[in-house]
Structure formats: structure tokens, C-alpha cells
Amino acid sequence: MVRVHDQYSCVDFRRFYIPYGAPREHVRPTRDGVNLRLDECAELLELVPTIHERHSEMAGIRSQLHG
């Protein structure tokens, strides 16, 4: 899951979970993840085409994740 925190000006790429038996709106973060400042996230997004170009095996990941 990805969340944008306007208050902290960052993008949070993190795994989340729903505790067993809890309603869906009780999503909790795990420690697995990374926060990027908005400028770092923008730079990463600019690099995605180059990453796909140099590592073609990663280019299909999006389609694998979304079925």
C-alpha cells in the first residue's frame, strides 16, 4: 500500500495488515517499508522508464501484480 502524507510531505511505501477479526478499516502498518520525501518520490518516478529499459525483467511486474 502506498500512502501520501501531506502533513509530513512524504510518500510511505509500506506493507499493511488487518488484524484477525478486525473490520477492514482497522488497517495497521508493519515495519516493512520506506518513506520517501516528495522530491525523492518524483525522482524515483522519473527513473522508472530507465529501470525498465535496463532491467527488462522488471517491466512486467506491474501487470503481474494487477493480474
N, C-alpha and C. Protein backbone atom coordinates (compact mmCIF):
# COMPACT_ATOMS: atom_id res chain seq x y z
N MET A 1 0.85 -1.17 0.00
CA MET A 1 0.00 0.00 0.00
C MET A 1 0.89 1.23 0.00
N VAL A 2 0.44 2.22 -0.65
CA VAL A 2 1.17 3.49 -0.71
C VAL A 2 0.27 4.57 -0.16
N ARG A 3 0.82 5.37 0.76
CA ARG A 3 0.07 6.50 1.31
C ARG A 3 0.89 7.76 1.12
N VAL A 4 0.21 8.85 0.83
CA VAL A 4 0.86 10.15 0.76
C VAL A 4 0.48 10.91 2.01
N HIS A 5 1.49 11.34 2.75
CA HIS A 5 1.28 12.09 3.98
C HIS A 5 1.50 13.58 3.70
N ASP A 6 0.44 14.31 3.56
CA ASP A 6 0.56 15.75 3.31
C ASP A 6 1.21 16.46 4.49
N GLN A 7 0.89 16.02 5.70
CA GLN A 7 1.41 16.65 6.91
C GLN A 7 2.94 16.54 6.98
N TYR A 8 3.49 15.41 6.51
CA TYR A 8 4.93 15.19 6.58
C TYR A 8 5.62 15.35 5.23
N SER A 9 4.87 15.64 4.18
CA SER A 9 5.41 15.79 2.83
C SER A 9 6.24 14.58 2.42
N CYS A 10 5.63 13.40 2.54
CA CYS A 10 6.34 12.18 2.15
C CYS A 10 5.35 11.16 1.58
N VAL A 11 5.91 10.16 0.93
CA VAL A 11 5.16 9.04 0.41
C VAL A 11 5.63 7.81 1.16
N ASP A 12 4.71 7.06 1.70
CA ASP A 12 5.01 5.90 2.53
C ASP A 12 4.68 4.63 1.75
N PHE A 13 5.73 3.89 1.36
CA PHE A 13 5.57 2.58 0.70
C PHE A 13 5.74 1.55 1.81
N ARG A 14 4.68 0.87 2.17
CA ARG A 14 4.73 0.01 3.34
C ARG A 14 3.76 -1.15 3.20
N ARG A 15 4.09 -2.24 3.85
CA ARG A 15 3.14 -3.33 3.96
C ARG A 15 2.19 -3.01 5.11
N PHE A 16 0.93 -3.33 4.89
CA PHE A 16 -0.08 -3.13 5.91
C PHE A 16 -0.80 -4.44 6.14
N TYR A 17 -1.48 -4.56 7.27
CA TYR A 17 -2.25 -5.76 7.55
C TYR A 17 -3.52 -5.36 8.31
N ILE A 18 -4.47 -6.25 8.29
CA ILE A 18 -5.69 -6.08 9.07
C ILE A 18 -5.64 -7.16 10.15
N PRO A 19 -5.65 -6.77 11.42
CA PRO A 19 -5.62 -7.77 12.48
C PRO A 19 -6.78 -8.76 12.33
N TYR A 20 -6.51 -10.01 12.67
CA TYR A 20 -7.51 -11.07 12.54
C TYR A 20 -8.80 -10.67 13.27
N GLY A 21 -9.90 -10.76 12.56
CA GLY A 21 -11.20 -10.47 13.13
C GLY A 21 -11.57 -9.00 13.17
N ALA A 22 -10.67 -8.13 12.79
CA ALA A 22 -10.94 -6.69 12.81
C ALA A 22 -11.62 -6.27 11.52
N PRO A 23 -12.42 -5.21 11.57
CA PRO A 23 -13.01 -4.70 10.33
C PRO A 23 -11.94 -4.15 9.38
N ARG A 24 -12.28 -4.09 8.14
CA ARG A 24 -11.34 -3.67 7.10
C ARG A 24 -10.74 -2.28 7.33
N GLU A 25 -11.46 -1.40 7.98
CA GLU A 25 -10.95 -0.05 8.20
C GLU A 25 -9.89 0.04 9.30
N HIS A 26 -9.60 -1.06 9.97
CA HIS A 26 -8.57 -1.08 11.03
C HIS A 26 -7.22 -1.56 10.49
N VAL A 27 -6.82 -1.00 9.37
CA VAL A 27 -5.55 -1.36 8.72
C VAL A 27 -4.40 -0.84 9.59
N ARG A 28 -3.39 -1.68 9.78
CA ARG A 28 -2.24 -1.32 10.60
C ARG A 28 -0.96 -1.44 9.77
N PRO A 29 0.00 -0.54 9.95
CA PRO A 29 1.27 -0.62 9.22
C PRO A 29 2.20 -1.66 9.84
N THR A 30 3.05 -2.23 9.00
CA THR A 30 4.13 -3.08 9.50
C THR A 30 5.41 -2.27 9.50
N ARG A 31 6.49 -2.86 9.95
CA ARG A 31 7.78 -2.19 9.90
C ARG A 31 8.42 -2.26 8.52
N ASP A 32 7.88 -3.14 7.66
CA ASP A 32 8.42 -3.33 6.32
C ASP A 32 7.99 -2.20 5.41
N GLY A 33 8.89 -1.31 5.07
CA GLY A 33 8.55 -0.24 4.16
C GLY A 33 9.60 0.86 4.17
N VAL A 34 9.27 1.91 3.44
CA VAL A 34 10.19 3.03 3.33
C VAL A 34 9.38 4.31 3.11
N ASN A 35 9.86 5.39 3.67
CA ASN A 35 9.29 6.72 3.43
C ASN A 35 10.20 7.48 2.49
N LEU A 36 9.62 8.10 1.49
CA LEU A 36 10.39 8.96 0.59
C LEU A 36 9.81 10.37 0.66
N ARG A 37 10.70 11.35 0.73
CA ARG A 37 10.24 12.73 0.60
C ARG A 37 9.62 12.88 -0.78
N LEU A 38 8.76 13.88 -0.95
CA LEU A 38 8.08 14.07 -2.23
C LEU A 38 9.06 14.26 -3.38
N ASP A 39 10.17 14.97 -3.13
CA ASP A 39 11.15 15.16 -4.20
C ASP A 39 11.86 13.84 -4.54
N GLU A 40 12.09 13.00 -3.53
CA GLU A 40 12.71 11.69 -3.78
C GLU A 40 11.77 10.80 -4.57
N CYS A 41 10.49 10.85 -4.24
CA CYS A 41 9.50 10.05 -4.96
C CYS A 41 9.40 10.51 -6.41
N ALA A 42 9.41 11.81 -6.64
CA ALA A 42 9.35 12.34 -8.01
C ALA A 42 10.56 11.87 -8.81
N GLU A 43 11.73 11.87 -8.16
CA GLU A 43 12.95 11.40 -8.84
C GLU A 43 12.85 9.91 -9.17
N LEU A 44 12.33 9.13 -8.24
CA LEU A 44 12.15 7.70 -8.48
C LEU A 44 11.22 7.47 -9.67
N LEU A 45 10.11 8.21 -9.72
CA LEU A 45 9.16 8.05 -10.82
C LEU A 45 9.79 8.41 -12.16
N GLU A 46 10.68 9.39 -12.16
CA GLU A 46 11.38 9.74 -13.40
C GLU A 46 12.33 8.63 -13.83
N LEU A 47 12.85 7.87 -12.87
CA LEU A 47 13.80 6.81 -13.17
C LEU A 47 13.15 5.50 -13.61
N VAL A 48 11.86 5.34 -13.38
CA VAL A 48 11.19 4.07 -13.69
C VAL A 48 11.39 3.64 -15.15
N PRO A 49 11.21 4.52 -16.15
CA PRO A 49 11.45 4.07 -17.53
C PRO A 49 12.89 3.58 -17.75
N THR A 50 13.87 4.23 -17.15
CA THR A 50 15.27 3.80 -17.29
C THR A 50 15.47 2.45 -16.62
N ILE A 51 14.86 2.25 -15.46
CA ILE A 51 14.96 0.96 -14.76
C ILE A 51 14.37 -0.14 -15.64
N HIS A 52 13.21 0.11 -16.22
CA HIS A 52 12.58 -0.89 -17.10
C HIS A 52 13.44 -1.15 -18.34
N GLU A 53 14.05 -0.11 -18.86
CA GLU A 53 14.90 -0.24 -20.04
C GLU A 53 16.12 -1.12 -19.73
N ARG A 54 16.74 -0.88 -18.60
CA ARG A 54 17.98 -1.59 -18.24
C ARG A 54 17.72 -2.96 -17.61
N HIS A 55 16.55 -3.14 -17.05
CA HIS A 55 16.19 -4.40 -16.38
C HIS A 55 14.82 -4.82 -16.87
N SER A 56 14.78 -5.35 -18.07
CA SER A 56 13.51 -5.68 -18.72
C SER A 56 12.66 -6.66 -17.91
N GLU A 57 13.31 -7.46 -17.08
CA GLU A 57 12.56 -8.42 -16.26
C GLU A 57 11.64 -7.71 -15.27
N MET A 58 11.93 -6.46 -14.95
CA MET A 58 11.11 -5.71 -14.01
C MET A 58 9.96 -4.98 -14.70
N ALA A 59 10.02 -4.87 -16.01
CA ALA A 59 9.00 -4.12 -16.74
C ALA A 59 7.62 -4.77 -16.62
N GLY A 60 7.56 -6.08 -16.46
CA GLY A 60 6.27 -6.78 -16.37
C GLY A 60 5.73 -6.91 -14.97
N ILE A 61 6.41 -6.38 -13.99
CA ILE A 61 5.98 -6.55 -12.60
C ILE A 61 4.60 -5.95 -12.38
N ARG A 62 4.35 -4.77 -12.91
CA ARG A 62 3.05 -4.13 -12.71
C ARG A 62 1.93 -5.03 -13.18
N SER A 63 2.06 -5.60 -14.37
CA SER A 63 1.00 -6.45 -14.89
C SER A 63 0.84 -7.72 -14.06
N GLN A 64 1.93 -8.24 -13.49
CA GLN A 64 1.84 -9.41 -12.64
C GLN A 64 1.11 -9.08 -11.34
N LEU A 65 1.34 -7.91 -10.80
CA LEU A 65 0.71 -7.52 -9.54
C LEU A 65 -0.77 -7.25 -9.70
N HIS A 66 -1.16 -6.74 -10.85
CA HIS A 66 -2.57 -6.38 -11.05
C HIS A 66 -3.35 -7.45 -11.80
N GLY A 67 -2.75 -8.62 -11.97
CA GLY A 67 -3.45 -9.73 -12.59
C GLY A 67 -3.48 -9.60 -14.04
